[in-house]
Protein backbone atom coordinates (compact mmCIF):
# COMPACT_ATOMS: atom_id res chain seq x y z
CA UNK A 1 0.00 0.00 0.00
CA UNK A 2 1.07 3.53 -0.68
CA UNK A 3 2.38 5.53 2.20
CA UNK A 4 -0.01 8.13 3.47
CA UNK A 5 0.85 11.70 4.25
CA UNK A 6 1.22 12.18 7.90
CA UNK A 7 -0.84 15.38 8.00
CA UNK A 8 -3.60 14.54 5.60
CA UNK A 9 -3.57 10.84 5.62
CA UNK A 10 -3.78 10.92 1.81
CA UNK A 11 -1.43 9.02 -0.42
CA UNK A 12 1.56 11.06 -1.65
CA UNK A 13 1.54 11.73 -5.45
CA UNK A 14 4.34 10.15 -7.39
CA UNK A 15 6.99 12.60 -8.51
CA UNK A 16 6.60 13.43 -12.23
CA UNK A 17 9.53 13.10 -14.56
CA UNK A 18 10.66 16.45 -16.09
CA UNK A 19 9.40 16.94 -19.67
CA UNK A 20 12.74 18.52 -20.67
CA UNK A 21 15.99 17.20 -19.53
CA UNK A 22 18.62 19.56 -18.20
CA UNK A 23 20.91 20.60 -21.12
CA UNK A 24 24.35 19.19 -21.10
CA UNK A 25 27.41 21.47 -20.94
CA UNK A 26 28.24 20.82 -24.59
CA UNK A 27 24.71 21.89 -25.64
CA UNK A 28 25.00 25.13 -23.67
CA UNK A 29 28.38 25.89 -25.20
CA UNK A 30 27.01 25.20 -28.65
CA UNK A 31 24.11 27.61 -28.10
CA UNK A 32 26.42 30.34 -26.79
CA UNK A 33 28.69 29.88 -29.81
CA UNK A 34 25.71 30.24 -32.15
CA UNK A 35 24.65 33.44 -30.40
CA UNK A 36 28.18 34.86 -30.64
CA UNK A 37 28.36 34.02 -34.34
CA UNK A 38 24.97 35.68 -34.88
CA UNK A 39 26.10 38.81 -33.02
CA UNK A 40 29.39 38.99 -34.91
CA UNK A 41 27.60 38.36 -38.20
CA UNK A 42 25.07 41.09 -37.47
CA UNK A 43 27.84 43.51 -36.52
CA UNK A 44 29.72 42.64 -39.70
CA UNK A 45 26.63 43.21 -41.80
CA UNK A 46 26.05 46.54 -40.06
CA UNK A 47 29.66 47.54 -40.69
CA UNK A 48 29.36 46.58 -44.35
CA UNK A 49 26.17 48.62 -44.59
CA UNK A 50 27.78 51.66 -42.93
CA UNK A 51 30.89 51.40 -45.11
CA UNK A 52 28.74 50.94 -48.18
CA UNK A 53 26.68 54.00 -47.26
CA UNK A 54 29.83 56.04 -46.67
CA UNK A 55 31.28 54.81 -49.95
CA UNK A 56 28.12 55.67 -51.82
CA UNK A 57 28.04 59.14 -50.32
CA UNK A 58 31.69 59.65 -51.29
CA UNK A 59 31.02 58.39 -54.81
CA UNK A 60 27.85 60.46 -55.05
CA UNK A 61 29.48 63.71 -53.93
CA UNK A 62 32.86 63.23 -55.58
CA UNK A 63 32.02 61.52 -58.85
CA UNK A 64 28.41 60.80 -59.76
CA UNK A 65 27.05 64.30 -59.08
CA UNK A 66 30.01 66.46 -60.20
CA UNK A 67 30.59 64.31 -63.29
CA UNK A 68 26.95 64.46 -64.35
CA UNK A 69 26.54 65.79 -67.89
CA UNK A 70 24.13 68.69 -67.56
CA UNK A 71 24.34 70.10 -71.11
CA UNK A 72 24.70 68.35 -74.46
CA UNK A 73 25.16 70.51 -77.55
CA UNK A 74 24.82 68.43 -80.68
CA UNK A 75 26.67 65.14 -80.71
CA UNK A 76 30.09 66.41 -79.62
CA UNK A 77 29.90 69.06 -76.92
CA UNK A 78 29.39 68.05 -73.27
CA UNK A 79 29.40 70.15 -70.09
CA UNK A 80 29.54 68.53 -66.65
CA UNK A 81 28.19 69.91 -63.38
CA UNK A 82 31.66 70.34 -61.86
CA UNK A 83 32.74 72.54 -64.77
CA UNK A 84 29.55 74.57 -64.42
CA UNK A 85 30.25 75.01 -60.68
CA UNK A 86 33.82 76.16 -61.40
CA UNK A 87 32.55 78.76 -63.88
CA UNK A 88 29.72 79.92 -61.63
CA UNK A 89 31.70 81.99 -59.09
CA UNK A 90 33.66 84.13 -61.58
CA UNK A 91 30.53 84.67 -63.66
CA UNK A 92 28.49 85.84 -60.68
CA UNK A 93 31.35 88.19 -59.79
CA UNK A 94 31.41 89.58 -63.33
CA UNK A 95 27.70 90.52 -63.30
CA UNK A 96 27.51 91.60 -59.66
CA UNK A 97 27.64 95.31 -60.52
CA UNK A 98 24.65 94.99 -62.85
CA UNK A 99 22.33 93.94 -60.05
CA UNK A 100 21.75 90.53 -61.62
CA UNK A 101 20.44 88.04 -59.06
CA UNK A 102 22.23 84.75 -58.45
CA UNK A 103 19.27 82.78 -59.80
CA UNK A 104 19.28 84.72 -63.06
CA UNK A 105 23.08 84.49 -63.32
CA UNK A 106 22.85 80.71 -62.96
CA UNK A 107 20.47 80.51 -65.91
CA UNK A 108 22.55 82.94 -67.95
CA UNK A 109 25.66 80.81 -67.44
CA UNK A 110 23.84 77.74 -68.78
CA UNK A 111 23.04 79.73 -71.93
CA UNK A 112 26.66 80.90 -72.20
CA UNK A 113 27.95 77.33 -72.02
CA UNK A 114 25.50 76.32 -74.74
CA UNK A 115 26.73 79.19 -76.92
CA UNK A 116 30.33 78.12 -76.35
CA UNK A 117 29.43 74.65 -77.52
CA UNK A 118 27.77 76.10 -80.61
CA UNK A 119 30.84 78.24 -81.33
CA UNK A 120 33.04 75.13 -81.27
CA UNK A 121 30.69 73.38 -83.70
CA UNK A 122 30.67 76.38 -86.07
CA UNK A 123 34.44 76.70 -85.80
CA UNK A 124 34.89 73.02 -86.65
CA UNK A 125 32.71 73.46 -89.73
CA UNK A 126 34.92 76.34 -90.85
CA UNK A 127 38.15 74.48 -90.15
CA UNK A 128 39.07 76.70 -87.21
CA UNK A 129 41.14 75.02 -84.49
CA UNK A 130 42.79 76.16 -81.25
CA UNK A 131 46.11 74.70 -80.13
CA UNK A 132 47.43 74.24 -76.60
CA UNK A 133 50.07 76.87 -77.37
CA UNK A 134 47.39 79.39 -78.32
CA UNK A 135 45.54 78.73 -75.06
CA UNK A 136 48.74 79.21 -73.06
CA UNK A 137 49.53 82.41 -74.95
CA UNK A 138 46.06 83.77 -74.21
CA UNK A 139 46.45 82.97 -70.51
CA UNK A 140 49.78 84.80 -70.49
CA UNK A 141 48.22 87.79 -72.26
CA UNK A 142 45.44 87.96 -69.66
CA UNK A 143 48.00 87.78 -66.87
CA UNK A 144 50.09 90.48 -68.55
CA UNK A 145 53.29 88.42 -68.69
CA UNK A 146 55.23 86.30 -71.16
CA UNK A 147 54.87 82.54 -71.25
CA UNK A 148 57.40 80.90 -68.94
CA UNK A 149 58.23 77.66 -67.18
CA UNK A 150 58.44 76.65 -63.52
CA UNK A 151 59.39 79.54 -61.26
CA UNK A 152 58.64 82.19 -63.88
CA UNK A 153 56.26 85.12 -63.41
CA UNK A 154 53.79 83.30 -65.62
CA UNK A 155 53.98 80.19 -63.44
CA UNK A 156 53.57 82.18 -60.20
CA UNK A 157 50.70 84.35 -61.40
CA UNK A 158 48.91 81.46 -63.03
CA UNK A 159 49.05 79.38 -59.86
CA UNK A 160 47.68 82.34 -57.93
CA UNK A 161 44.85 82.73 -60.44
CA UNK A 162 43.88 79.06 -60.11
CA UNK A 163 44.05 79.27 -56.32
CA UNK A 164 41.91 82.42 -56.23
CA UNK A 165 39.24 80.82 -58.39
CA UNK A 166 39.67 77.36 -56.81
CA UNK A 167 39.57 76.03 -60.36
CA UNK A 168 41.49 73.13 -61.84
CA UNK A 169 44.04 73.71 -64.57
CA UNK A 170 41.98 71.67 -67.04
CA UNK A 171 38.81 73.63 -66.38
CA UNK A 172 40.57 76.99 -66.57
CA UNK A 173 42.24 76.09 -69.84
CA UNK A 174 38.90 74.93 -71.24
CA UNK A 175 37.40 78.29 -70.29
CA UNK A 176 40.21 80.21 -71.97
CA UNK A 177 40.04 77.90 -74.99
CA UNK A 178 36.39 78.89 -75.43
CA UNK A 179 37.42 82.55 -75.44
CA UNK A 180 40.06 81.90 -78.09
CA UNK A 181 37.53 80.06 -80.24
CA UNK A 182 35.15 83.03 -79.97
CA UNK A 183 37.88 85.49 -80.96
CA UNK A 184 39.05 83.42 -83.94
CA UNK A 185 35.51 82.85 -85.20
CA UNK A 186 34.71 86.56 -84.81
CA UNK A 187 37.81 87.49 -86.79
CA UNK A 188 36.82 85.04 -89.52
CA UNK A 189 33.33 86.55 -89.76
CA UNK A 190 34.74 90.07 -90.01
CA UNK A 191 37.21 88.91 -92.67
CA UNK A 192 34.28 87.61 -94.70
CA UNK A 193 33.02 91.20 -94.96
CA UNK A 194 36.17 92.39 -96.68
CA UNK A 195 37.83 95.77 -96.20
CA UNK A 196 34.71 97.77 -97.02
CA UNK A 197 31.06 97.50 -96.13
CA UNK A 198 27.84 99.46 -96.48
CA UNK A 199 27.51 102.55 -94.31
CA UNK A 200 24.57 104.91 -93.82
CA UNK A 201 24.32 108.42 -92.43
CA UNK A 202 21.23 109.62 -90.56
CA UNK A 203 20.03 113.06 -89.54
CA UNK A 204 17.61 112.84 -86.63
CA UNK A 205 15.65 114.58 -83.94
CA UNK A 206 15.71 112.52 -80.77
CA UNK A 207 12.88 113.18 -78.32
CA UNK A 208 11.94 111.93 -74.86
CA UNK A 209 8.30 111.28 -75.77
CA UNK A 210 6.23 110.32 -78.77
CA UNK A 211 4.31 113.58 -78.52
CA UNK A 212 7.50 115.66 -78.70
CA UNK A 213 8.73 113.60 -81.65
CA UNK A 214 5.42 114.07 -83.47
CA UNK A 215 5.58 117.81 -82.85
CA UNK A 216 9.12 117.92 -84.31
CA UNK A 217 7.98 115.95 -87.35
CA UNK A 218 5.06 118.32 -87.95
CA UNK A 219 7.44 121.30 -87.86
CA UNK A 220 9.62 119.70 -90.56
CA UNK A 221 6.60 118.75 -92.64
CA UNK A 222 5.45 122.36 -92.35
CA UNK A 223 8.66 123.53 -94.03
CA UNK A 224 11.27 123.90 -91.27
CA UNK A 225 14.72 122.46 -91.84
CA UNK A 226 15.28 119.12 -90.09
CA UNK A 227 18.76 120.16 -88.99
CA UNK A 228 17.48 123.39 -87.48
CA UNK A 229 14.76 121.56 -85.55
CA UNK A 230 17.31 119.02 -84.31
CA UNK A 231 19.63 121.82 -83.21
CA UNK A 232 16.91 123.33 -81.06
CA UNK A 233 14.99 120.39 -79.56
CA UNK A 234 16.92 117.10 -79.98
CA UNK A 235 17.87 115.43 -76.70
CA UNK A 236 20.94 113.74 -78.24
CA UNK A 237 23.57 116.34 -77.40
CA UNK A 238 26.29 114.98 -79.71
CA UNK A 239 24.24 114.97 -82.92
CA UNK A 240 22.43 118.13 -81.87
CA UNK A 241 25.67 120.07 -82.21
CA UNK A 242 25.91 118.85 -85.83
CA UNK A 243 22.36 119.75 -86.83
CA UNK A 244 21.16 116.26 -85.98
CA UNK A 245 23.76 114.50 -88.14
CA UNK A 246 25.01 111.13 -86.89
CA UNK A 247 28.34 109.60 -87.89
CA UNK A 248 28.17 107.01 -90.69
CA UNK A 249 27.40 103.53 -89.37
CA UNK A 250 26.98 100.06 -90.86
CA UNK A 251 23.23 99.32 -90.83
CA UNK A 252 23.87 96.24 -88.67
CA UNK A 253 25.03 98.52 -85.86
CA UNK A 254 21.89 100.64 -85.86
CA UNK A 255 18.94 99.90 -83.55
CA UNK A 256 16.71 97.17 -84.95
CA UNK A 257 13.75 99.53 -85.37
CA UNK A 258 15.88 101.90 -87.47
CA UNK A 259 17.24 99.01 -89.56
CA UNK A 260 13.72 97.85 -90.34
CA UNK A 261 12.60 101.36 -91.28
CA UNK A 262 15.38 102.00 -93.81
CA UNK A 263 15.55 98.48 -95.23
CA UNK A 264 15.59 98.80 -99.03
CA UNK A 265 15.19 102.59 -98.90
CA UNK A 266 17.35 105.05 -100.81
CA UNK A 267 18.80 108.23 -99.36
CA UNK A 268 16.55 111.22 -99.94
CA UNK A 269 13.96 113.49 -98.42
CA UNK A 270 11.66 110.84 -96.94
CA UNK A 271 10.97 111.49 -93.26
CA UNK A 272 10.74 108.49 -90.94
CA UNK A 273 9.10 108.32 -87.53
CA UNK A 274 8.28 108.77 -84.82
CA UNK A 275 10.02 105.45 -84.11
CA UNK A 276 10.73 104.26 -80.59
CA UNK A 277 14.34 103.39 -79.84
CA UNK A 278 14.62 102.13 -76.27
CA UNK A 279 13.39 105.04 -74.10
CA UNK A 280 13.51 107.66 -76.87
CA UNK A 281 11.58 108.52 -80.02
CA UNK A 282 13.29 109.31 -83.33
CA UNK A 283 12.25 111.35 -86.35
CA UNK A 284 14.95 111.05 -89.01
CA UNK A 285 16.01 111.13 -92.61
CA UNK A 286 18.40 108.81 -94.47
CA UNK A 287 21.03 111.29 -95.71
CA UNK A 288 23.50 108.96 -97.45
CA UNK A 289 23.94 105.26 -98.23
CA UNK A 290 27.50 104.27 -99.23
CA UNK A 291 27.91 100.62 -100.28
CA UNK A 292 31.73 100.69 -100.18
CA UNK A 293 32.67 102.62 -97.06
CA UNK A 294 35.58 101.70 -94.81
CA UNK A 295 34.56 100.97 -91.21
CA UNK A 296 36.78 101.96 -88.31
CA UNK A 297 38.54 99.42 -86.11
CA UNK A 298 35.90 99.90 -83.43
CA UNK A 299 33.12 99.41 -85.95
CA UNK A 300 34.77 96.21 -87.20
CA UNK A 301 34.87 94.87 -83.65
CA UNK A 302 31.22 95.77 -83.14
CA UNK A 303 30.29 94.21 -86.47
CA UNK A 304 32.14 91.05 -85.47
CA UNK A 305 30.17 90.81 -82.23
CA UNK A 306 26.86 91.27 -84.06
CA UNK A 307 27.77 88.75 -86.74
CA UNK A 308 28.88 86.25 -84.11
CA UNK A 309 25.60 86.61 -82.22
CA UNK A 310 23.58 86.20 -85.40
CA UNK A 311 25.62 83.17 -86.49
CA UNK A 312 25.28 81.44 -83.13
CA UNK A 313 21.55 82.19 -83.02
CA UNK A 314 21.11 80.65 -86.45
CA UNK A 315 23.12 77.57 -85.47
CA UNK A 316 21.04 77.17 -82.29
CA UNK A 317 17.98 76.51 -84.44
CA UNK A 318 19.84 73.72 -86.28
CA UNK A 319 21.52 71.88 -83.39
CA UNK A 320 19.81 69.80 -80.71
CA UNK A 321 20.60 71.09 -77.23
CA UNK A 322 19.67 69.02 -74.17
CA UNK A 323 19.75 70.17 -70.56
CA UNK A 324 19.71 67.73 -67.66
CA UNK A 325 19.98 69.85 -64.54
CA UNK A 326 17.62 70.11 -61.58
CA UNK A 327 17.31 72.13 -58.37
CA UNK A 328 19.49 69.65 -56.48
CA UNK A 329 22.26 70.06 -59.07
CA UNK A 330 22.03 73.85 -58.80
CA UNK A 331 22.36 73.63 -55.01
CA UNK A 332 25.42 71.41 -55.40
CA UNK A 333 26.95 73.93 -57.80
CA UNK A 334 26.26 76.79 -55.38
CA UNK A 335 27.84 74.87 -52.49
CA UNK A 336 30.90 73.91 -54.54
CA UNK A 337 31.43 77.13 -56.48
CA UNK A 338 34.90 78.42 -55.53
């Protein structure tokens, strides 16, 4: 018979066997080893993730973003964000006195880079090239010294220029190369004109308002001499002293409204106007038209600039230009300019 409990007199329950046996030492060690491996593995994965993130950030900020092509002009010309950033600071400085905002300057620089790409395309079509020696010579001319090697004035001043602009040698030379291309193309366009070109001479009354210009015109139409009226009421002080006579100019250098008015017209007594020219109003007569006049050096330079602008504008309509730049790229350029 089963023994009875002394206090209750009831039979004692048999002790139950444990459902799980106590783990052996080797099992415990194996579990601890697995945990350690898991911890080390997790730490390693975390380290790889952190290093990968750091590497990506380095790659993103030092290569992917700065090396992004933001402008494509045709099939040959490419401009990267880093180059744009290097050009941004000096350009903003150059337009600071005009009151141009940074945002507008940023957009203007994009247009300038596109034009530089177009100039290179036009130059290539005309067989115009720029050598490394010509770029170096232009840099020396801008620095006001002769080309020299290590330790020379050229070397010292050039290093200072690069340091001031925080610009790489390659980027600075590319910038100067663009300037040389522009100068050589401009010279070629002027040479196409020959030694002589058409020049016209105007006699005009310049007025501050349309009403004043109309009043001057009515006086001339009533029989008064145009020169006499100009001498008394014209607001252009230089021509006023010469009875309203302006110096001969190539038509291309005249205001667009004046060019349009005299297009195909012969010199004579016909009175033009009032025509608005910027903030003024003109009443004028075409005094002479000389098809073989000799322009001055200044006029040739001005003609070259006009011809260059017209040529680039025409080429822009023929060449595909693609921009790939967003607000984030602009911020990067601002942060990395200079």
